[in-house]
Amino acid sequence: MAIKYSILDLATIIKGDDIHTTFQKSVKSAQNAEKLGFTRYWFSEHHNFPNVASAATAILIAHVAGKTETIRVGSGGIMLPNHSTLSVAEQFGTLDALFPGRIDLGLGRAPGTDMLTASALRGNNFTPNYNFEFHIKELQKYMSAKNADSKVRAIPGEGADVPLFILGSSTDSAFLAAKLGLPYAFAAHFAPSQLDVALEIYRSRFQPSEFLDEPYVLVCVNIIAGDSVEEAQYLSTSHFQAFVSILTDQRQPLLPPEETDLEHISDEVALHLNRMAAKTFVGDRETLTEKLTRFAKDYKPDEIIVSGNIYDFDAKQKSYEITADIIKSL
């Protein structure tokens, strides 16, 4: 079966853009992705990041879904500990009612921010011992048509056609996704070290459910494509500089390639950068075809989610076009 291909958009703010412009670019990008045959367009929940504008994820999903026609739009993901399960059921039930059959709900257990900000988000509900499985099941209850006789109901939300995905970057989420019989999306675009073992755990321990008969694996990787290897490498410097900014806690808008400085990073930062970038693929059509063919053979994903920071908007759309052509041929 052909590998599906999708996009993860962080609504990254580039140098020189305001947030309004950032959202306009996300809309144009989703519209282009729809034309290129991408299956879904996901936004991730982040807070207190000066360079990421996807904090109000459900609102952004609604905006983009309203500006597109067929592509699935969803979260990659909603950080469930930051919300009550009832409110998530209501929000995504509302989205499903507005855009039937087009909404996805990816769920993560991380805060999507620092712990001080997480505490501010959660208020009196803050706890270091969050039971992810319990709250997923609670969310499923609210979104089930069988909850109609309950004293607490999600309206909208009850009976909504919104598939759930478990997101993760470690083995914990692999065990859980397998146990619950849900599709599993691994964040190899920033934490690739446990990809092999996590997928082995998920596939070997998967228990069929009412939602899924067999394992379904989505892997998010960074892909930066250009018409030449040299162009792709030039474009990728913005992406790697963004990684360095994370590692050195110097958050800033995405820089253009000519303003990056990757030659003067410390050996320690370089080591961590190489680890983070292990599943970052950079090159021209020929080079990436070889790399992605090997990746598909090694990991056998049902779907590849494409991430990657490119400063120039037109170059980013060209990268998506090249990537779509390659994955369609795998």
Foldseek 3Di string as FASTA:
>chain_A
DFAAEAAEDQLFFAPPDDSVVSLVLLLVLVQLCVVLRHAEYAYEAAPPFQGGDCPVVLVSQLVSLVSHDHHAYEYPAAQVLLDQLLVVLQSVLVSCVVPPPRYEHEYENDQNYDVVVSCVSNPPSDDPDDDVLVRVVVSVCQQELVVVPPPDHRVSRHVGPYAYEYEDAAQVSLQSCQVAQGEYEYELQFRVPHVVVSLVSNQVRHDHDPRHRHYAYEYEHEEFEDQFLVVQVLQQLLQLQCLLCVVVVNRDGRYHSVPGDPPPDDPVSVVSSCNRRVRHHTGYLVRVLVVVVVVCVVRVHSYYYYYGDGNDSVSVSVRSSSVSVSSSVD
